[in-house]
Amino acid sequence: PYHAPVFVLARKEREPIEMTGGTTFIFVTDGIKSALSKAKEVAGNRNVKINGGATTVNQYLAHGLIDELWLHIVTVTIGAGTRLFEGVPNLKLEQIEVSGTSVVTHIRYNVLK
């Protein structure tokens, strides 16, 4: 099976970590555009997924680098933190899918350019 490397945004350099099963975490210190470029190079014609919290997602959204946004909403309060869409210019989102259970709602949007 194919195990794509995982590019992790990091503040300081560190050696890649190889996990049992084949996944390798590669730490990128030169910004979101670099991490995305490296991931696209490895992915070829496959999709690239960006995972992270609100800070990471907001950075990519603010730079117009996300084509599709998946939100997973859980009704649990985990404390104060960065708000999603904070510092992001107005977005035009087109809802394309909604699903869920009694504890989570999944919403998928196209980010219109």
PDB file of N, CA and C in Angstrom:
ATOM      1  N   PRO A   1       0.829  -1.208   0.000  1.00  0.00           N
ATOM      2  CA  PRO A   1       0.000   0.000   0.000  1.00  0.00           C
ATOM      3  C   PRO A   1       0.863   1.257   0.000  1.00  0.00           C
ATOM      4  N   TYR A   2       0.324   2.301  -0.612  1.00  0.00           N
ATOM      5  CA  TYR A   2       1.028   3.577  -0.705  1.00  0.00           C
ATOM      6  C   TYR A   2       0.854   4.362   0.593  1.00  0.00           C
ATOM      7  N   HIS A   3       1.938   4.874   1.139  1.00  0.00           N
ATOM      8  CA  HIS A   3       1.906   5.717   2.334  1.00  0.00           C
ATOM      9  C   HIS A   3       2.534   7.054   1.981  1.00  0.00           C
ATOM     10  N   ALA A   4       1.690   8.042   1.764  1.00  0.00           N
ATOM     11  CA  ALA A   4       2.192   9.373   1.444  1.00  0.00           C
ATOM     12  C   ALA A   4       2.873   9.966   2.662  1.00  0.00           C
ATOM     13  N   PRO A   5       3.942  10.713   2.458  1.00  0.00           N
ATOM     14  CA  PRO A   5       4.538  11.411   3.599  1.00  0.00           C
ATOM     15  C   PRO A   5       3.570  12.464   4.113  1.00  0.00           C
ATOM     16  N   VAL A   6       3.695  12.789   5.370  1.00  0.00           N
ATOM     17  CA  VAL A   6       2.884  13.825   5.991  1.00  0.00           C
ATOM     18  C   VAL A   6       3.810  15.004   6.265  1.00  0.00           C
ATOM     19  N   PHE A   7       3.476  16.159   5.694  1.00  0.00           N
ATOM     20  CA  PHE A   7       4.271  17.360   5.903  1.00  0.00           C
ATOM     21  C   PHE A   7       3.662  18.141   7.057  1.00  0.00           C
ATOM     22  N   VAL A   8       4.461  18.402   8.079  1.00  0.00           N
ATOM     23  CA  VAL A   8       3.998  19.041   9.309  1.00  0.00           C
ATOM     24  C   VAL A   8       4.620  20.425   9.401  1.00  0.00           C
ATOM     25  N   LEU A   9       3.773  21.443   9.593  1.00  0.00           N
ATOM     26  CA  LEU A   9       4.290  22.795   9.805  1.00  0.00           C
ATOM     27  C   LEU A   9       4.974  22.833  11.168  1.00  0.00           C
ATOM     28  N   ALA A  10       6.192  23.376  11.193  1.00  0.00           N
ATOM     29  CA  ALA A  10       6.962  23.402  12.437  1.00  0.00           C
ATOM     30  C   ALA A  10       7.715  24.720  12.562  1.00  0.00           C
ATOM     31  N   ARG A  11       7.988  25.109  13.786  1.00  0.00           N
ATOM     32  CA  ARG A  11       8.752  26.339  14.036  1.00  0.00           C
ATOM     33  C   ARG A  11      10.254  26.093  13.997  1.00  0.00           C
ATOM     34  N   LYS A  12      10.675  24.891  14.393  1.00  0.00           N
ATOM     35  CA  LYS A  12      12.110  24.609  14.368  1.00  0.00           C
ATOM     36  C   LYS A  12      12.363  23.299  13.627  1.00  0.00           C
ATOM     37  N   GLU A  13      13.551  23.228  13.033  1.00  0.00           N
ATOM     38  CA  GLU A  13      13.905  22.062  12.225  1.00  0.00           C
ATOM     39  C   GLU A  13      14.080  20.828  13.089  1.00  0.00           C
ATOM     40  N   ARG A  14      13.675  19.695  12.528  1.00  0.00           N
ATOM     41  CA  ARG A  14      13.922  18.413  13.166  1.00  0.00           C
ATOM     42  C   ARG A  14      13.922  17.336  12.092  1.00  0.00           C
ATOM     43  N   GLU A  15      14.519  16.228  12.420  1.00  0.00           N
ATOM     44  CA  GLU A  15      14.635  15.120  11.481  1.00  0.00           C
ATOM     45  C   GLU A  15      13.262  14.489  11.233  1.00  0.00           C
ATOM     46  N   PRO A  16      13.050  13.945  10.018  1.00  0.00           N
ATOM     47  CA  PRO A  16      11.800  13.230   9.745  1.00  0.00           C
ATOM     48  C   PRO A  16      11.633  12.055  10.711  1.00  0.00           C
ATOM     49  N   ILE A  17      10.383  11.708  10.966  1.00  0.00           N
ATOM     50  CA  ILE A  17      10.069  10.575  11.835  1.00  0.00           C
ATOM     51  C   ILE A  17       9.354   9.524  10.997  1.00  0.00           C
ATOM     52  N   GLU A  18       9.945   8.322  10.941  1.00  0.00           N
ATOM     53  CA  GLU A  18       9.325   7.205  10.232  1.00  0.00           C
ATOM     54  C   GLU A  18       8.553   6.355  11.222  1.00  0.00           C
ATOM     55  N   MET A  19       7.284   6.111  10.904  1.00  0.00           N
ATOM     56  CA  MET A  19       6.425   5.331  11.785  1.00  0.00           C
ATOM     57  C   MET A  19       6.329   3.896  11.272  1.00  0.00           C
ATOM     58  N   THR A  20       6.040   2.978  12.180  1.00  0.00           N
ATOM     59  CA  THR A  20       5.761   1.609  11.790  1.00  0.00           C
ATOM     60  C   THR A  20       4.550   1.634  10.868  1.00  0.00           C
ATOM     61  N   GLY A  21       4.629   0.931   9.770  1.00  0.00           N
ATOM     62  CA  GLY A  21       3.532   0.931   8.813  1.00  0.00           C
ATOM     63  C   GLY A  21       3.823   1.765   7.580  1.00  0.00           C
ATOM     64  N   GLY A  22       4.875   2.591   7.627  1.00  0.00           N
ATOM     65  CA  GLY A  22       5.301   3.276   6.421  1.00  0.00           C
ATOM     66  C   GLY A  22       5.097   4.774   6.342  1.00  0.00           C
ATOM     67  N   THR A  23       4.324   5.364   7.232  1.00  0.00           N
ATOM     68  CA  THR A  23       4.113   6.808   7.174  1.00  0.00           C
ATOM     69  C   THR A  23       5.336   7.540   7.715  1.00  0.00           C
ATOM     70  N   THR A  24       5.765   8.578   6.998  1.00  0.00           N
ATOM     71  CA  THR A  24       6.881   9.415   7.435  1.00  0.00           C
ATOM     72  C   THR A  24       6.388  10.842   7.636  1.00  0.00           C
ATOM     73  N   PHE A  25       6.693  11.418   8.805  1.00  0.00           N
ATOM     74  CA  PHE A  25       6.361  12.804   9.093  1.00  0.00           C
ATOM     75  C   PHE A  25       7.584  13.653   8.776  1.00  0.00           C
ATOM     76  N   ILE A  26       7.396  14.618   7.875  1.00  0.00           N
ATOM     77  CA  ILE A  26       8.468  15.513   7.453  1.00  0.00           C
ATOM     78  C   ILE A  26       8.118  16.917   7.935  1.00  0.00           C
ATOM     79  N   PHE A  27       9.025  17.549   8.659  1.00  0.00           N
ATOM     80  CA  PHE A  27       8.766  18.833   9.279  1.00  0.00           C
ATOM     81  C   PHE A  27       9.227  19.958   8.362  1.00  0.00           C
ATOM     82  N   VAL A  28       8.315  20.907   8.107  1.00  0.00           N
ATOM     83  CA  VAL A  28       8.562  22.017   7.187  1.00  0.00           C
ATOM     84  C   VAL A  28       8.578  23.310   7.989  1.00  0.00           C
ATOM     85  N   THR A  29       9.676  24.060   7.874  1.00  0.00           N
ATOM     86  CA  THR A  29       9.822  25.285   8.664  1.00  0.00           C
ATOM     87  C   THR A  29       9.741  26.556   7.827  1.00  0.00           C
ATOM     88  N   ASP A  30       9.595  26.407   6.511  1.00  0.00           N
ATOM     89  CA  ASP A  30       9.605  27.603   5.668  1.00  0.00           C
ATOM     90  C   ASP A  30       8.221  27.985   5.150  1.00  0.00           C
ATOM     91  N   GLY A  31       7.182  27.673   5.913  1.00  0.00           N
ATOM     92  CA  GLY A  31       5.864  28.220   5.648  1.00  0.00           C
ATOM     93  C   GLY A  31       4.878  27.303   4.950  1.00  0.00           C
ATOM     94  N   ILE A  32       3.637  27.804   4.909  1.00  0.00           N
ATOM     95  CA  ILE A  32       2.531  27.012   4.379  1.00  0.00           C
ATOM     96  C   ILE A  32       2.641  26.764   2.885  1.00  0.00           C
ATOM     97  N   LYS A  33       3.116  27.743   2.152  1.00  0.00           N
ATOM     98  CA  LYS A  33       3.224  27.563   0.694  1.00  0.00           C
ATOM     99  C   LYS A  33       4.259  26.495   0.362  1.00  0.00           C
ATOM    100  N   SER A  34       5.346  26.465   1.095  1.00  0.00           N
ATOM    101  CA  SER A  34       6.367  25.452   0.892  1.00  0.00           C
ATOM    102  C   SER A  34       5.823  24.065   1.210  1.00  0.00           C
ATOM    103  N   ALA A  35       5.118  23.945   2.330  1.00  0.00           N
ATOM    104  CA  ALA A  35       4.550  22.648   2.715  1.00  0.00           C
ATOM    105  C   ALA A  35       3.565  22.160   1.657  1.00  0.00           C
ATOM    106  N   LEU A  36       2.733  23.054   1.154  1.00  0.00           N
ATOM    107  CA  LEU A  36       1.764  22.678   0.131  1.00  0.00           C
ATOM    108  C   LEU A  36       2.456  22.292  -1.167  1.00  0.00           C
ATOM    109  N   SER A  37       3.464  23.030  -1.546  1.00  0.00           N
ATOM    110  CA  SER A  37       4.215  22.724  -2.763  1.00  0.00           C
ATOM    111  C   SER A  37       4.857  21.342  -2.686  1.00  0.00           C
ATOM    112  N   LYS A  38       5.458  21.039  -1.543  1.00  0.00           N
ATOM    113  CA  LYS A  38       6.085  19.727  -1.349  1.00  0.00           C
ATOM    114  C   LYS A  38       5.047  18.614  -1.398  1.00  0.00           C
ATOM    115  N   ALA A  39       3.905  18.836  -0.784  1.00  0.00           N
ATOM    116  CA  ALA A  39       2.845  17.828  -0.779  1.00  0.00           C
ATOM    117  C   ALA A  39       2.298  17.600  -2.186  1.00  0.00           C
ATOM    118  N   LYS A  40       2.109  18.683  -2.947  1.00  0.00           N
ATOM    119  CA  LYS A  40       1.611  18.549  -4.323  1.00  0.00           C
ATOM    120  C   LYS A  40       2.603  17.805  -5.204  1.00  0.00           C
ATOM    121  N   GLU A  41       3.883  18.060  -5.002  1.00  0.00           N
ATOM    122  CA  GLU A  41       4.917  17.382  -5.783  1.00  0.00           C
ATOM    123  C   GLU A  41       4.855  15.872  -5.553  1.00  0.00           C
ATOM    124  N   VAL A  42       4.723  15.484  -4.301  1.00  0.00           N
ATOM    125  CA  VAL A  42       4.661  14.063  -3.958  1.00  0.00           C
ATOM    126  C   VAL A  42       3.345  13.443  -4.438  1.00  0.00           C
ATOM    127  N   ALA A  43       2.238  14.200  -4.346  1.00  0.00           N
ATOM    128  CA  ALA A  43       0.917  13.672  -4.667  1.00  0.00           C
ATOM    129  C   ALA A  43       0.711  13.445  -6.158  1.00  0.00           C
ATOM    130  N   GLY A  44       1.448  14.176  -6.980  1.00  0.00           N
ATOM    131  CA  GLY A  44       1.232  14.039  -8.423  1.00  0.00           C
ATOM    132  C   GLY A  44      -0.177  14.467  -8.774  1.00  0.00           C
ATOM    133  N   ASN A  45      -0.971  13.552  -9.362  1.00  0.00           N
ATOM    134  CA  ASN A  45      -2.333  13.914  -9.756  1.00  0.00           C
ATOM    135  C   ASN A  45      -3.369  13.577  -8.668  1.00  0.00           C
ATOM    136  N   ARG A  46      -2.905  13.159  -7.491  1.00  0.00           N
ATOM    137  CA  ARG A  46      -3.822  12.875  -6.385  1.00  0.00           C
ATOM    138  C   ARG A  46      -4.097  14.151  -5.583  1.00  0.00           C
ATOM    139  N   ASN A  47      -5.189  14.136  -4.817  1.00  0.00           N
ATOM    140  CA  ASN A  47      -5.547  15.273  -3.975  1.00  0.00           C
ATOM    141  C   ASN A  47      -4.591  15.405  -2.796  1.00  0.00           C
ATOM    142  N   VAL A  48      -4.445  16.615  -2.316  1.00  0.00           N
ATOM    143  CA  VAL A  48      -3.664  16.908  -1.118  1.00  0.00           C
ATOM    144  C   VAL A  48      -4.643  17.347  -0.039  1.00  0.00           C
ATOM    145  N   LYS A  49      -4.514  16.780   1.150  1.00  0.00           N
ATOM    146  CA  LYS A  49      -5.358  17.164   2.278  1.00  0.00           C
ATOM    147  C   LYS A  49      -4.542  17.974   3.267  1.00  0.00           C
ATOM    148  N   ILE A  50      -5.143  19.040   3.757  1.00  0.00           N
ATOM    149  CA  ILE A  50      -4.522  19.873   4.781  1.00  0.00           C
ATOM    150  C   ILE A  50      -5.307  19.641   6.060  1.00  0.00           C
ATOM    151  N   ASN A  51      -4.643  19.149   7.076  1.00  0.00           N
ATOM    152  CA  ASN A  51      -5.279  18.926   8.369  1.00  0.00           C
ATOM    153  C   ASN A  51      -4.677  19.879   9.380  1.00  0.00           C
ATOM    154  N   GLY A  52      -5.486  20.266  10.318  1.00  0.00           N
ATOM    155  CA  GLY A  52      -4.956  21.107  11.374  1.00  0.00           C
ATOM    156  C   GLY A  52      -6.068  21.852  12.069  1.00  0.00           C
ATOM    157  N   GLY A  53      -5.666  22.650  12.997  1.00  0.00           N
ATOM    158  CA  GLY A  53      -6.611  23.461  13.731  1.00  0.00           C
ATOM    159  C   GLY A  53      -6.939  24.740  12.990  1.00  0.00           C
ATOM    160  N   ALA A  54      -7.666  25.595  13.668  1.00  0.00           N
ATOM    161  CA  ALA A  54      -8.132  26.838  13.058  1.00  0.00           C
ATOM    162  C   ALA A  54      -6.981  27.717  12.566  1.00  0.00           C
ATOM    163  N   THR A  55      -5.882  27.775  13.289  1.00  0.00           N
ATOM    164  CA  THR A  55      -4.764  28.623  12.879  1.00  0.00           C
ATOM    165  C   THR A  55      -4.225  28.180  11.524  1.00  0.00           C
ATOM    166  N   THR A  56      -4.023  26.887  11.361  1.00  0.00           N
ATOM    167  CA  THR A  56      -3.505  26.361  10.098  1.00  0.00           C
ATOM    168  C   THR A  56      -4.496  26.586   8.966  1.00  0.00           C
ATOM    169  N   VAL A  57      -5.750  26.226   9.192  1.00  0.00           N
ATOM    170  CA  VAL A  57      -6.773  26.376   8.155  1.00  0.00           C
ATOM    171  C   VAL A  57      -6.931  27.843   7.771  1.00  0.00           C
ATOM    172  N   ASN A  58      -6.948  28.733   8.758  1.00  0.00           N
ATOM    173  CA  ASN A  58      -7.088  30.164   8.465  1.00  0.00           C
ATOM    174  C   ASN A  58      -5.953  30.681   7.590  1.00  0.00           C
ATOM    175  N   GLN A  59      -4.729  30.219   7.835  1.00  0.00           N
ATOM    176  CA  GLN A  59      -3.594  30.657   7.011  1.00  0.00           C
ATOM    177  C   GLN A  59      -3.795  30.255   5.548  1.00  0.00           C
ATOM    178  N   TYR A  60      -4.173  29.008   5.330  1.00  0.00           N
ATOM    179  CA  TYR A  60      -4.384  28.537   3.960  1.00  0.00           C
ATOM    180  C   TYR A  60      -5.569  29.232   3.305  1.00  0.00           C
ATOM    181  N   LEU A  61      -6.661  29.440   4.046  1.00  0.00           N
ATOM    182  CA  LEU A  61      -7.819  30.151   3.495  1.00  0.00           C
ATOM    183  C   LEU A  61      -7.465  31.592   3.150  1.00  0.00           C
ATOM    184  N   ALA A  62      -6.732  32.271   4.022  1.00  0.00           N
ATOM    185  CA  ALA A  62      -6.370  33.671   3.796  1.00  0.00           C
ATOM    186  C   ALA A  62      -5.527  33.844   2.533  1.00  0.00           C
ATOM    187  N   HIS A  63      -4.763  32.810   2.176  1.00  0.00           N
ATOM    188  CA  HIS A  63      -3.935  32.868   0.969  1.00  0.00           C
ATOM    189  C   HIS A  63      -4.621  32.257  -0.244  1.00  0.00           C
ATOM    190  N   GLY A  64      -5.886  31.871  -0.114  1.00  0.00           N
ATOM    191  CA  GLY A  64      -6.636  31.323  -1.239  1.00  0.00           C
ATOM    192  C   GLY A  64      -6.125  29.969  -1.701  1.00  0.00           C
ATOM    193  N   LEU A  65      -5.594  29.160  -0.787  1.00  0.00           N
ATOM    194  CA  LEU A  65      -4.958  27.902  -1.167  1.00  0.00           C
ATOM    195  C   LEU A  65      -5.823  26.664  -0.911  1.00  0.00           C
ATOM    196  N   ILE A  66      -7.077  26.876  -0.531  1.00  0.00           N
ATOM    197  CA  ILE A  66      -7.977  25.741  -0.288  1.00  0.00           C
ATOM    198  C   ILE A  66      -9.100  25.768  -1.309  1.00  0.00           C
ATOM    199  N   ASP A  67      -9.307  24.634  -1.973  1.00  0.00           N
ATOM    200  CA  ASP A  67     -10.379  24.501  -2.957  1.00  0.00           C
ATOM    201  C   ASP A  67     -11.645  23.918  -2.348  1.00  0.00           C
ATOM    202  N   GLU A  68     -11.467  23.063  -1.354  1.00  0.00           N
ATOM    203  CA  GLU A  68     -12.603  22.382  -0.735  1.00  0.00           C
ATOM    204  C   GLU A  68     -12.378  22.343   0.767  1.00  0.00           C
ATOM    205  N   LEU A  69     -13.400  22.700   1.527  1.00  0.00           N
ATOM    206  CA  LEU A  69     -13.294  22.784   2.981  1.00  0.00           C
ATOM    207  C   LEU A  69     -14.257  21.794   3.616  1.00  0.00           C
ATOM    208  N   TRP A  70     -13.723  20.929   4.464  1.00  0.00           N
ATOM    209  CA  TRP A  70     -14.536  19.975   5.221  1.00  0.00           C
ATOM    210  C   TRP A  70     -14.526  20.402   6.672  1.00  0.00           C
ATOM    211  N   LEU A  71     -15.699  20.635   7.227  1.00  0.00           N
ATOM    212  CA  LEU A  71     -15.806  20.985   8.639  1.00  0.00           C
ATOM    213  C   LEU A  71     -16.438  19.823   9.386  1.00  0.00           C
ATOM    214  N   HIS A  72     -15.906  19.519  10.534  1.00  0.00           N
ATOM    215  CA  HIS A  72     -16.430  18.471  11.400  1.00  0.00           C
ATOM    216  C   HIS A  72     -16.800  19.159  12.705  1.00  0.00           C
ATOM    217  N   ILE A  73     -18.082  19.288  12.956  1.00  0.00           N
ATOM    218  CA  ILE A  73     -18.570  20.084  14.076  1.00  0.00           C
ATOM    219  C   ILE A  73     -19.067  19.155  15.181  1.00  0.00           C
ATOM    220  N   VAL A  74     -18.485  19.339  16.358  1.00  0.00           N
ATOM    221  CA  VAL A  74     -18.841  18.549  17.534  1.00  0.00           C
ATOM    222  C   VAL A  74     -19.268  19.526  18.620  1.00  0.00           C
ATOM    223  N   THR A  75     -20.347  19.239  19.296  1.00  0.00           N
ATOM    224  CA  THR A  75     -20.852  20.161  20.317  1.00  0.00           C
ATOM    225  C   THR A  75     -20.172  19.913  21.661  1.00  0.00           C
ATOM    226  N   VAL A  76     -18.879  20.194  21.686  1.00  0.00           N
ATOM    227  CA  VAL A  76     -18.082  20.057  22.904  1.00  0.00           C
ATOM    228  C   VAL A  76     -17.282  21.348  23.057  1.00  0.00           C
ATOM    229  N   THR A  77     -17.291  21.906  24.230  1.00  0.00           N
ATOM    230  CA  THR A  77     -16.498  23.097  24.500  1.00  0.00           C
ATOM    231  C   THR A  77     -15.141  22.654  25.026  1.00  0.00           C
ATOM    232  N   ILE A  78     -14.086  23.047  24.319  1.00  0.00           N
ATOM    233  CA  ILE A  78     -12.747  22.629  24.734  1.00  0.00           C
ATOM    234  C   ILE A  78     -11.888  23.802  25.195  1.00  0.00           C
ATOM    235  N   GLY A  79     -12.492  24.959  25.345  1.00  0.00           N
ATOM    236  CA  GLY A  79     -11.738  26.101  25.838  1.00  0.00           C
ATOM    237  C   GLY A  79     -11.565  27.161  24.775  1.00  0.00           C
ATOM    238  N   ALA A  80     -10.933  28.237  25.167  1.00  0.00           N
ATOM    239  CA  ALA A  80     -10.698  29.356  24.265  1.00  0.00           C
ATOM    240  C   ALA A  80      -9.595  28.992  23.293  1.00  0.00           C
ATOM    241  N   GLY A  81      -9.648  29.570  22.144  1.00  0.00           N
ATOM    242  CA  GLY A  81      -8.630  29.317  21.135  1.00  0.00           C
ATOM    243  C   GLY A  81      -8.864  30.202  19.937  1.00  0.00           C
ATOM    244  N   THR A  82      -8.201  29.890  18.861  1.00  0.00           N
ATOM    245  CA  THR A  82      -8.360  30.640  17.621  1.00  0.00           C
ATOM    246  C   THR A  82      -9.691  30.297  16.992  1.00  0.00           C
ATOM    247  N   ARG A  83     -10.376  31.292  16.509  1.00  0.00           N
ATOM    248  CA  ARG A  83     -11.654  31.074  15.840  1.00  0.00           C
ATOM    249  C   ARG A  83     -11.422  30.759  14.370  1.00  0.00           C
ATOM    250  N   LEU A  84     -12.194  29.831  13.859  1.00  0.00           N
ATOM    251  CA  LEU A  84     -12.146  29.534  12.436  1.00  0.00           C
ATOM    252  C   LEU A  84     -12.618  30.760  11.675  1.00  0.00           C
ATOM    253  N   PHE A  85     -11.990  31.068  10.573  1.00  0.00           N
ATOM    254  CA  PHE A  85     -12.264  32.208   9.682  1.00  0.00           C
ATOM    255  C   PHE A  85     -11.751  33.529  10.239  1.00  0.00           C
ATOM    256  N   GLU A  86     -11.058  33.529  11.379  1.00  0.00           N
ATOM    257  CA  GLU A  86     -10.498  34.756  11.933  1.00  0.00           C
ATOM    258  C   GLU A  86      -9.336  35.218  11.060  1.00  0.00           C
ATOM    259  N   GLY A  87      -9.373  36.474  10.598  1.00  0.00           N
ATOM    260  CA  GLY A  87      -8.317  37.008   9.751  1.00  0.00           C
ATOM    261  C   GLY A  87      -8.397  36.543   8.311  1.00  0.00           C
ATOM    262  N   VAL A  88      -9.509  35.925   7.938  1.00  0.00           N
ATOM    263  CA  VAL A  88      -9.689  35.426   6.580  1.00  0.00           C
ATOM    264  C   VAL A  88     -10.618  36.384   5.841  1.00  0.00           C
ATOM    265  N   PRO A  89     -10.243  36.824   4.634  1.00  0.00           N
ATOM    266  CA  PRO A  89     -11.149  37.687   3.868  1.00  0.00           C
ATOM    267  C   PRO A  89     -12.472  36.966   3.605  1.00  0.00           C
ATOM    268  N   ASN A  90     -13.485  37.737   3.239  1.00  0.00           N
ATOM    269  CA  ASN A  90     -14.792  37.141   2.946  1.00  0.00           C
ATOM    270  C   ASN A  90     -14.653  35.989   1.968  1.00  0.00           C
ATOM    271  N   LEU A  91     -15.287  34.887   2.300  1.00  0.00           N
ATOM    272  CA  LEU A  91     -15.253  33.695   1.455  1.00  0.00           C
ATOM    273  C   LEU A  91     -16.617  33.468   0.848  1.00  0.00           C
ATOM    274  N   LYS A  92     -16.616  32.875  -0.332  1.00  0.00           N
ATOM    275  CA  LYS A  92     -17.850  32.394  -0.932  1.00  0.00           C
ATOM    276  C   LYS A  92     -17.773  30.881  -0.885  1.00  0.00           C
ATOM    277  N   LEU A  93     -18.650  30.289  -0.074  1.00  0.00           N
ATOM    278  CA  LEU A  93     -18.654  28.848   0.103  1.00  0.00           C
ATOM    279  C   LEU A  93     -19.932  28.274  -0.495  1.00  0.00           C
ATOM    280  N   GLU A  94     -19.780  27.168  -1.212  1.00  0.00           N
ATOM    281  CA  GLU A  94     -20.926  26.460  -1.769  1.00  0.00           C
ATOM    282  C   GLU A  94     -21.015  25.105  -1.076  1.00  0.00           C
ATOM    283  N   GLN A  95     -22.094  24.908  -0.323  1.00  0.00           N
ATOM    284  CA  GLN A  95     -22.266  23.642   0.398  1.00  0.00           C
ATOM    285  C   GLN A  95     -22.512  22.520  -0.609  1.00  0.00           C
ATOM    286  N   ILE A  96     -21.732  21.428  -0.488  1.00  0.00           N
ATOM    287  CA  ILE A  96     -21.892  20.322  -1.427  1.00  0.00           C
ATOM    288  C   ILE A  96     -22.255  19.004  -0.750  1.00  0.00           C
ATOM    289  N   GLU A  97     -22.126  18.936   0.577  1.00  0.00           N
ATOM    290  CA  GLU A  97     -22.471  17.692   1.257  1.00  0.00           C
ATOM    291  C   GLU A  97     -22.633  17.940   2.751  1.00  0.00           C
ATOM    292  N   VAL A  98     -23.618  17.278   3.346  1.00  0.00           N
ATOM    293  CA  VAL A  98     -23.819  17.313   4.787  1.00  0.00           C
ATOM    294  C   VAL A  98     -24.133  15.892   5.245  1.00  0.00           C
ATOM    295  N   SER A  99     -23.494  15.466   6.309  1.00  0.00           N
ATOM    296  CA  SER A  99     -23.791  14.160   6.905  1.00  0.00           C
ATOM    297  C   SER A  99     -23.449  14.245   8.379  1.00  0.00           C
ATOM    298  N   GLY A 100     -23.744  13.197   9.110  1.00  0.00           N
ATOM    299  CA  GLY A 100     -23.382  13.215  10.510  1.00  0.00           C
ATOM    300  C   GLY A 100     -24.090  12.166  11.331  1.00  0.00           C
ATOM    301  N   THR A 101     -23.876  12.285  12.620  1.00  0.00           N
ATOM    302  CA  THR A 101     -24.482  11.403  13.610  1.00  0.00           C
ATOM    303  C   THR A 101     -25.061  12.286  14.702  1.00  0.00           C
ATOM    304  N   SER A 102     -25.456  11.677  15.805  1.00  0.00           N
ATOM    305  CA  SER A 102     -25.989  12.468  16.916  1.00  0.00           C
ATOM    306  C   SER A 102     -24.907  13.288  17.621  1.00  0.00           C
ATOM    307  N   VAL A 103     -23.635  13.006  17.358  1.00  0.00           N
ATOM    308  CA  VAL A 103     -22.560  13.722  18.054  1.00  0.00           C
ATOM    309  C   VAL A 103     -21.666  14.560  17.146  1.00  0.00           C
ATOM    310  N   VAL A 104     -21.782  14.407  15.843  1.00  0.00           N
ATOM    311  CA  VAL A 104     -20.925  15.177  14.930  1.00  0.00           C
ATOM    312  C   VAL A 104     -21.675  15.472  13.633  1.00  0.00           C
ATOM    313  N   THR A 105     -21.419  16.663  13.097  1.00  0.00           N
ATOM    314  CA  THR A 105     -21.946  17.039  11.784  1.00  0.00           C
ATOM    315  C   THR A 105     -20.767  17.296  10.867  1.00  0.00           C
ATOM    316  N   HIS A 106     -20.810  16.709   9.681  1.00  0.00           N
ATOM    317  CA  HIS A 106     -19.770  16.899   8.673  1.00  0.00           C
ATOM    318  C   HIS A 106     -20.370  17.745   7.550  1.00  0.00           C
ATOM    319  N   ILE A 107     -19.707  18.839   7.226  1.00  0.00           N
ATOM    320  CA  ILE A 107     -20.173  19.708   6.139  1.00  0.00           C
ATOM    321  C   ILE A 107     -19.002  19.912   5.187  1.00  0.00           C
ATOM    322  N   ARG A 108     -19.259  19.729   3.893  1.00  0.00           N
ATOM    323  CA  ARG A 108     -18.216  19.916   2.882  1.00  0.00           C
ATOM    324  C   ARG A 108     -18.638  21.063   1.966  1.00  0.00           C
ATOM    325  N   TYR A 109     -17.707  21.966   1.719  1.00  0.00           N
ATOM    326  CA  TYR A 109     -17.940  23.137   0.894  1.00  0.00           C
ATOM    327  C   TYR A 109     -16.920  23.215  -0.240  1.00  0.00           C
ATOM    328  N   ASN A 110     -17.351  23.742  -1.382  1.00  0.00           N
ATOM    329  CA  ASN A 110     -16.424  24.229  -2.399  1.00  0.00           C
ATOM    330  C   ASN A 110     -16.090  25.656  -2.012  1.00  0.00           C
ATOM    331  N   VAL A 111     -14.826  26.026  -2.088  1.00  0.00           N
ATOM    332  CA  VAL A 111     -14.418  27.410  -1.851  1.00  0.00           C
ATOM    333  C   VAL A 111     -14.362  28.057  -3.231  1.00  0.00           C
ATOM    334  N   LEU A 112     -15.308  28.961  -3.490  1.00  0.00           N
ATOM    335  CA  LEU A 112     -15.419  29.577  -4.801  1.00  0.00           C
ATOM    336  C   LEU A 112     -14.402  30.702  -4.937  1.00  0.00           C
ATOM    337  N   LYS A 113     -13.790  30.764  -6.090  1.00  0.00           N
ATOM    338  CA  LYS A 113     -12.762  31.792  -6.349  1.00  0.00           C
ATOM    339  C   LYS A 113     -13.378  32.989  -7.026  1.00  0.00           C
TER     340      LYS A 113
END
